[in-house]
Amino acid sequence: MNIFRRPHYNSEITNFIEEMRHKKPTLEAEQRAGRALLWDKHLDRETQDEFKQARVAQQPYVYQTQVK
């Protein structure tokens, strides 16, 4: 008998997630589709470079009026 072996334990959260996956097998696919709407986008490198070049430097204290 191994004295370091522990009985298998699942937290309440793990049980909840497993139960939710069992009840709704399409959940992971729906999550991936939702993520694709907002996050998984193809970036145009040229446009990104143009945005970086057009950026105006911010003054050290934003709310101070500009002194010329």
PDB file of N, CA and C in Angstrom:
ATOM      1  N   MET A   1       0.843  -1.192   0.000  1.00  0.00           N
ATOM      2  CA  MET A   1       0.000   0.000   0.000  1.00  0.00           C
ATOM      3  C   MET A   1       0.879   1.242   0.000  1.00  0.00           C
ATOM      4  N   ASN A   2       0.583   2.155  -0.880  1.00  0.00           N
ATOM      5  CA  ASN A   2       1.338   3.391  -0.992  1.00  0.00           C
ATOM      6  C   ASN A   2       0.784   4.403   0.004  1.00  0.00           C
ATOM      7  N   ILE A   3       1.637   4.924   0.881  1.00  0.00           N
ATOM      8  CA  ILE A   3       1.152   5.858   1.899  1.00  0.00           C
ATOM      9  C   ILE A   3       0.939   7.261   1.340  1.00  0.00           C
ATOM     10  N   PHE A   4       1.484   7.550   0.152  1.00  0.00           N
ATOM     11  CA  PHE A   4       1.343   8.872  -0.440  1.00  0.00           C
ATOM     12  C   PHE A   4       0.131   8.985  -1.359  1.00  0.00           C
ATOM     13  N   ARG A   5      -0.536   7.909  -1.607  1.00  0.00           N
ATOM     14  CA  ARG A   5      -1.683   7.946  -2.505  1.00  0.00           C
ATOM     15  C   ARG A   5      -2.896   8.532  -1.784  1.00  0.00           C
ATOM     16  N   ARG A   6      -3.510   9.473  -2.428  1.00  0.00           N
ATOM     17  CA  ARG A   6      -4.691  10.117  -1.860  1.00  0.00           C
ATOM     18  C   ARG A   6      -5.920   9.647  -2.615  1.00  0.00           C
ATOM     19  N   PRO A   7      -7.059   9.645  -1.964  1.00  0.00           N
ATOM     20  CA  PRO A   7      -8.287   9.325  -2.706  1.00  0.00           C
ATOM     21  C   PRO A   7      -8.578  10.443  -3.712  1.00  0.00           C
ATOM     22  N   HIS A   8      -9.198  10.075  -4.823  1.00  0.00           N
ATOM     23  CA  HIS A   8      -9.491  11.027  -5.889  1.00  0.00           C
ATOM     24  C   HIS A   8     -10.492  12.058  -5.381  1.00  0.00           C
ATOM     25  N   TYR A   9     -10.175  13.346  -5.569  1.00  0.00           N
ATOM     26  CA  TYR A   9     -11.026  14.432  -5.093  1.00  0.00           C
ATOM     27  C   TYR A   9     -11.362  15.371  -6.240  1.00  0.00           C
ATOM     28  N   ASN A  10     -12.616  15.721  -6.367  1.00  0.00           N
ATOM     29  CA  ASN A  10     -13.077  16.733  -7.313  1.00  0.00           C
ATOM     30  C   ASN A  10     -13.730  17.857  -6.530  1.00  0.00           C
ATOM     31  N   SER A  11     -13.348  19.079  -6.820  1.00  0.00           N
ATOM     32  CA  SER A  11     -13.954  20.219  -6.141  1.00  0.00           C
ATOM     33  C   SER A  11     -15.380  20.423  -6.648  1.00  0.00           C
ATOM     34  N   GLU A  12     -16.108  21.281  -5.943  1.00  0.00           N
ATOM     35  CA  GLU A  12     -17.475  21.579  -6.358  1.00  0.00           C
ATOM     36  C   GLU A  12     -17.490  22.247  -7.731  1.00  0.00           C
ATOM     37  N   ILE A  13     -16.498  23.087  -7.984  1.00  0.00           N
ATOM     38  CA  ILE A  13     -16.420  23.776  -9.269  1.00  0.00           C
ATOM     39  C   ILE A  13     -16.193  22.769 -10.391  1.00  0.00           C
ATOM     40  N   THR A  14     -15.264  21.829 -10.162  1.00  0.00           N
ATOM     41  CA  THR A  14     -14.990  20.808 -11.171  1.00  0.00           C
ATOM     42  C   THR A  14     -16.237  19.984 -11.449  1.00  0.00           C
ATOM     43  N   ASN A  15     -16.943  19.598 -10.391  1.00  0.00           N
ATOM     44  CA  ASN A  15     -18.185  18.841 -10.567  1.00  0.00           C
ATOM     45  C   ASN A  15     -19.224  19.644 -11.339  1.00  0.00           C
ATOM     46  N   PHE A  16     -19.319  20.947 -11.038  1.00  0.00           N
ATOM     47  CA  PHE A  16     -20.274  21.808 -11.728  1.00  0.00           C
ATOM     48  C   PHE A  16     -19.949  21.890 -13.217  1.00  0.00           C
ATOM     49  N   ILE A  17     -18.667  22.095 -13.550  1.00  0.00           N
ATOM     50  CA  ILE A  17     -18.269  22.217 -14.951  1.00  0.00           C
ATOM     51  C   ILE A  17     -18.502  20.909 -15.694  1.00  0.00           C
ATOM     52  N   GLU A  18     -18.158  19.795 -15.078  1.00  0.00           N
ATOM     53  CA  GLU A  18     -18.387  18.496 -15.724  1.00  0.00           C
ATOM     54  C   GLU A  18     -19.874  18.241 -15.943  1.00  0.00           C
ATOM     55  N   GLU A  19     -20.695  18.610 -14.962  1.00  0.00           N
ATOM     56  CA  GLU A  19     -22.141  18.437 -15.098  1.00  0.00           C
ATOM     57  C   GLU A  19     -22.693  19.324 -16.220  1.00  0.00           C
ATOM     58  N   MET A  20     -22.186  20.552 -16.295  1.00  0.00           N
ATOM     59  CA  MET A  20     -22.634  21.475 -17.325  1.00  0.00           C
ATOM     60  C   MET A  20     -22.240  20.964 -18.712  1.00  0.00           C
ATOM     61  N   ARG A  21     -21.027  20.438 -18.852  1.00  0.00           N
ATOM     62  CA  ARG A  21     -20.596  19.868 -20.133  1.00  0.00           C
ATOM     63  C   ARG A  21     -21.429  18.652 -20.510  1.00  0.00           C
ATOM     64  N   HIS A  22     -21.809  17.873 -19.499  1.00  0.00           N
ATOM     65  CA  HIS A  22     -22.621  16.679 -19.762  1.00  0.00           C
ATOM     66  C   HIS A  22     -24.026  17.073 -20.223  1.00  0.00           C
ATOM     67  N   LYS A  23     -24.602  18.123 -19.612  1.00  0.00           N
ATOM     68  CA  LYS A  23     -25.946  18.558 -19.965  1.00  0.00           C
ATOM     69  C   LYS A  23     -25.983  19.245 -21.325  1.00  0.00           C
ATOM     70  N   LYS A  24     -24.903  19.956 -21.658  1.00  0.00           N
ATOM     71  CA  LYS A  24     -24.887  20.727 -22.902  1.00  0.00           C
ATOM     72  C   LYS A  24     -23.590  20.430 -23.656  1.00  0.00           C
ATOM     73  N   PRO A  25     -23.568  19.394 -24.479  1.00  0.00           N
ATOM     74  CA  PRO A  25     -22.335  19.000 -25.168  1.00  0.00           C
ATOM     75  C   PRO A  25     -21.821  20.031 -26.178  1.00  0.00           C
ATOM     76  N   THR A  26     -22.674  20.947 -26.611  1.00  0.00           N
ATOM     77  CA  THR A  26     -22.247  21.951 -27.598  1.00  0.00           C
ATOM     78  C   THR A  26     -21.646  23.189 -26.943  1.00  0.00           C
ATOM     79  N   LEU A  27     -21.489  23.180 -25.647  1.00  0.00           N
ATOM     80  CA  LEU A  27     -21.035  24.360 -24.918  1.00  0.00           C
ATOM     81  C   LEU A  27     -19.662  24.840 -25.387  1.00  0.00           C
ATOM     82  N   GLU A  28     -18.716  23.941 -25.524  1.00  0.00           N
ATOM     83  CA  GLU A  28     -17.368  24.346 -25.916  1.00  0.00           C
ATOM     84  C   GLU A  28     -17.347  24.948 -27.328  1.00  0.00           C
ATOM     85  N   ALA A  29     -18.108  24.379 -28.235  1.00  0.00           N
ATOM     86  CA  ALA A  29     -18.178  24.919 -29.597  1.00  0.00           C
ATOM     87  C   ALA A  29     -18.813  26.312 -29.594  1.00  0.00           C
ATOM     88  N   GLU A  30     -19.816  26.516 -28.759  1.00  0.00           N
ATOM     89  CA  GLU A  30     -20.453  27.824 -28.653  1.00  0.00           C
ATOM     90  C   GLU A  30     -19.490  28.849 -28.069  1.00  0.00           C
ATOM     91  N   GLN A  31     -18.700  28.441 -27.089  1.00  0.00           N
ATOM     92  CA  GLN A  31     -17.714  29.345 -26.508  1.00  0.00           C
ATOM     93  C   GLN A  31     -16.662  29.737 -27.535  1.00  0.00           C
ATOM     94  N   ARG A  32     -16.211  28.778 -28.324  1.00  0.00           N
ATOM     95  CA  ARG A  32     -15.219  29.078 -29.361  1.00  0.00           C
ATOM     96  C   ARG A  32     -15.796  30.031 -30.412  1.00  0.00           C
ATOM     97  N   ALA A  33     -17.063  29.832 -30.773  1.00  0.00           N
ATOM     98  CA  ALA A  33     -17.701  30.717 -31.747  1.00  0.00           C
ATOM     99  C   ALA A  33     -17.832  32.128 -31.182  1.00  0.00           C
ATOM    100  N   GLY A  34     -18.178  32.245 -29.915  1.00  0.00           N
ATOM    101  CA  GLY A  34     -18.271  33.553 -29.273  1.00  0.00           C
ATOM    102  C   GLY A  34     -16.928  34.238 -29.201  1.00  0.00           C
ATOM    103  N   ARG A  35     -15.892  33.480 -28.909  1.00  0.00           N
ATOM    104  CA  ARG A  35     -14.549  34.055 -28.860  1.00  0.00           C
ATOM    105  C   ARG A  35     -14.120  34.542 -30.241  1.00  0.00           C
ATOM    106  N   ALA A  36     -14.466  33.807 -31.267  1.00  0.00           N
ATOM    107  CA  ALA A  36     -14.087  34.176 -32.627  1.00  0.00           C
ATOM    108  C   ALA A  36     -14.726  35.497 -33.046  1.00  0.00           C
ATOM    109  N   LEU A  37     -15.897  35.811 -32.495  1.00  0.00           N
ATOM    110  CA  LEU A  37     -16.558  37.064 -32.842  1.00  0.00           C
ATOM    111  C   LEU A  37     -15.745  38.282 -32.408  1.00  0.00           C
ATOM    112  N   LEU A  38     -15.117  38.186 -31.236  1.00  0.00           N
ATOM    113  CA  LEU A  38     -14.453  39.358 -30.673  1.00  0.00           C
ATOM    114  C   LEU A  38     -12.934  39.311 -30.721  1.00  0.00           C
ATOM    115  N   TRP A  39     -12.343  38.145 -30.586  1.00  0.00           N
ATOM    116  CA  TRP A  39     -10.906  38.084 -30.346  1.00  0.00           C
ATOM    117  C   TRP A  39     -10.085  37.513 -31.491  1.00  0.00           C
ATOM    118  N   ASP A  40     -10.541  36.486 -32.117  1.00  0.00           N
ATOM    119  CA  ASP A  40      -9.732  35.813 -33.134  1.00  0.00           C
ATOM    120  C   ASP A  40      -9.884  36.523 -34.483  1.00  0.00           C
ATOM    121  N   LYS A  41      -9.176  37.613 -34.615  1.00  0.00           N
ATOM    122  CA  LYS A  41      -9.269  38.423 -35.824  1.00  0.00           C
ATOM    123  C   LYS A  41      -7.925  38.436 -36.539  1.00  0.00           C
ATOM    124  N   HIS A  42      -7.975  38.521 -37.847  1.00  0.00           N
ATOM    125  CA  HIS A  42      -6.764  38.668 -38.642  1.00  0.00           C
ATOM    126  C   HIS A  42      -6.372  40.144 -38.656  1.00  0.00           C
ATOM    127  N   LEU A  43      -5.138  40.443 -38.306  1.00  0.00           N
ATOM    128  CA  LEU A  43      -4.674  41.821 -38.266  1.00  0.00           C
ATOM    129  C   LEU A  43      -3.923  42.155 -39.549  1.00  0.00           C
ATOM    130  N   ASP A  44      -4.221  43.321 -40.099  1.00  0.00           N
ATOM    131  CA  ASP A  44      -3.506  43.811 -41.272  1.00  0.00           C
ATOM    132  C   ASP A  44      -2.279  44.575 -40.781  1.00  0.00           C
ATOM    133  N   ARG A  45      -1.100  44.063 -41.048  1.00  0.00           N
ATOM    134  CA  ARG A  45       0.142  44.652 -40.535  1.00  0.00           C
ATOM    135  C   ARG A  45       0.375  46.058 -41.080  1.00  0.00           C
ATOM    136  N   GLU A  46       0.039  46.296 -42.323  1.00  0.00           N
ATOM    137  CA  GLU A  46       0.243  47.621 -42.900  1.00  0.00           C
ATOM    138  C   GLU A  46      -0.622  48.664 -42.200  1.00  0.00           C
ATOM    139  N   THR A  47      -1.860  48.314 -41.935  1.00  0.00           N
ATOM    140  CA  THR A  47      -2.752  49.230 -41.235  1.00  0.00           C
ATOM    141  C   THR A  47      -2.248  49.494 -39.828  1.00  0.00           C
ATOM    142  N   GLN A  48      -1.763  48.466 -39.158  1.00  0.00           N
ATOM    143  CA  GLN A  48      -1.223  48.636 -37.810  1.00  0.00           C
ATOM    144  C   GLN A  48      -0.022  49.583 -37.827  1.00  0.00           C
ATOM    145  N   ASP A  49       0.852  49.446 -38.817  1.00  0.00           N
ATOM    146  CA  ASP A  49       2.003  50.339 -38.940  1.00  0.00           C
ATOM    147  C   ASP A  49       1.563  51.782 -39.178  1.00  0.00           C
ATOM    148  N   GLU A  50       0.524  51.970 -39.993  1.00  0.00           N
ATOM    149  CA  GLU A  50       0.008  53.315 -40.240  1.00  0.00           C
ATOM    150  C   GLU A  50      -0.544  53.927 -38.958  1.00  0.00           C
ATOM    151  N   PHE A  51      -1.233  53.143 -38.165  1.00  0.00           N
ATOM    152  CA  PHE A  51      -1.753  53.636 -36.892  1.00  0.00           C
ATOM    153  C   PHE A  51      -0.620  54.064 -35.971  1.00  0.00           C
ATOM    154  N   LYS A  52       0.447  53.272 -35.927  1.00  0.00           N
ATOM    155  CA  LYS A  52       1.588  53.609 -35.071  1.00  0.00           C
ATOM    156  C   LYS A  52       2.264  54.899 -35.535  1.00  0.00           C
ATOM    157  N   GLN A  53       2.394  55.080 -36.832  1.00  0.00           N
ATOM    158  CA  GLN A  53       3.038  56.282 -37.356  1.00  0.00           C
ATOM    159  C   GLN A  53       2.176  57.528 -37.144  1.00  0.00           C
ATOM    160  N   ALA A  54       0.875  57.379 -37.145  1.00  0.00           N
ATOM    161  CA  ALA A  54      -0.031  58.521 -37.002  1.00  0.00           C
ATOM    162  C   ALA A  54      -0.257  58.904 -35.547  1.00  0.00           C
ATOM    163  N   ARG A  55       0.268  58.150 -34.635  1.00  0.00           N
ATOM    164  CA  ARG A  55       0.042  58.411 -33.220  1.00  0.00           C
ATOM    165  C   ARG A  55       0.727  59.713 -32.789  1.00  0.00           C
ATOM    166  N   VAL A  56       0.021  60.518 -32.021  1.00  0.00           N
ATOM    167  CA  VAL A  56       0.542  61.787 -31.522  1.00  0.00           C
ATOM    168  C   VAL A  56       1.065  61.568 -30.112  1.00  0.00           C
ATOM    169  N   ALA A  57       2.244  62.091 -29.852  1.00  0.00           N
ATOM    170  CA  ALA A  57       2.830  61.927 -28.520  1.00  0.00           C
ATOM    171  C   ALA A  57       2.006  62.693 -27.489  1.00  0.00           C
ATOM    172  N   GLN A  58       1.812  62.076 -26.360  1.00  0.00           N
ATOM    173  CA  GLN A  58       1.016  62.684 -25.304  1.00  0.00           C
ATOM    174  C   GLN A  58       1.935  63.522 -24.413  1.00  0.00           C
ATOM    175  N   GLN A  59       1.452  64.677 -24.003  1.00  0.00           N
ATOM    176  CA  GLN A  59       2.258  65.515 -23.121  1.00  0.00           C
ATOM    177  C   GLN A  59       2.308  64.892 -21.727  1.00  0.00           C
ATOM    178  N   PRO A  60       3.337  65.240 -20.913  1.00  0.00           N
ATOM    179  CA  PRO A  60       3.527  64.575 -19.632  1.00  0.00           C
ATOM    180  C   PRO A  60       2.329  64.678 -18.697  1.00  0.00           C
ATOM    181  N   TYR A  61       1.716  65.857 -18.598  1.00  0.00           N
ATOM    182  CA  TYR A  61       0.537  66.003 -17.764  1.00  0.00           C
ATOM    183  C   TYR A  61      -0.611  66.356 -18.686  1.00  0.00           C
ATOM    184  N   VAL A  62      -1.538  65.445 -18.819  1.00  0.00           N
ATOM    185  CA  VAL A  62      -2.573  65.539 -19.845  1.00  0.00           C
ATOM    186  C   VAL A  62      -3.457  66.756 -19.696  1.00  0.00           C
ATOM    187  N   TYR A  63      -3.766  67.144 -18.471  1.00  0.00           N
ATOM    188  CA  TYR A  63      -4.756  68.203 -18.261  1.00  0.00           C
ATOM    189  C   TYR A  63      -4.146  69.598 -18.229  1.00  0.00           C
ATOM    190  N   GLN A  64      -2.860  69.700 -18.358  1.00  0.00           N
ATOM    191  CA  GLN A  64      -2.210  71.011 -18.376  1.00  0.00           C
ATOM    192  C   GLN A  64      -2.422  71.654 -19.749  1.00  0.00           C
ATOM    193  N   THR A  65      -2.682  72.954 -19.740  1.00  0.00           N
ATOM    194  CA  THR A  65      -2.825  73.656 -21.014  1.00  0.00           C
ATOM    195  C   THR A  65      -1.458  73.765 -21.666  1.00  0.00           C
ATOM    196  N   GLN A  66      -1.473  73.793 -22.967  1.00  0.00           N
ATOM    197  CA  GLN A  66      -0.203  73.834 -23.691  1.00  0.00           C
ATOM    198  C   GLN A  66       0.382  75.241 -23.643  1.00  0.00           C
ATOM    199  N   VAL A  67       1.641  75.316 -23.276  1.00  0.00           N
ATOM    200  CA  VAL A  67       2.345  76.584 -23.243  1.00  0.00           C
ATOM    201  C   VAL A  67       3.241  76.640 -24.475  1.00  0.00           C
ATOM    202  N   LYS A  68       3.098  77.699 -25.230  1.00  0.00           N
ATOM    203  CA  LYS A  68       3.886  77.817 -26.464  1.00  0.00           C
ATOM    204  C   LYS A  68       5.024  78.756 -26.280  1.00  0.00           C
TER     205      LYS A  68
END
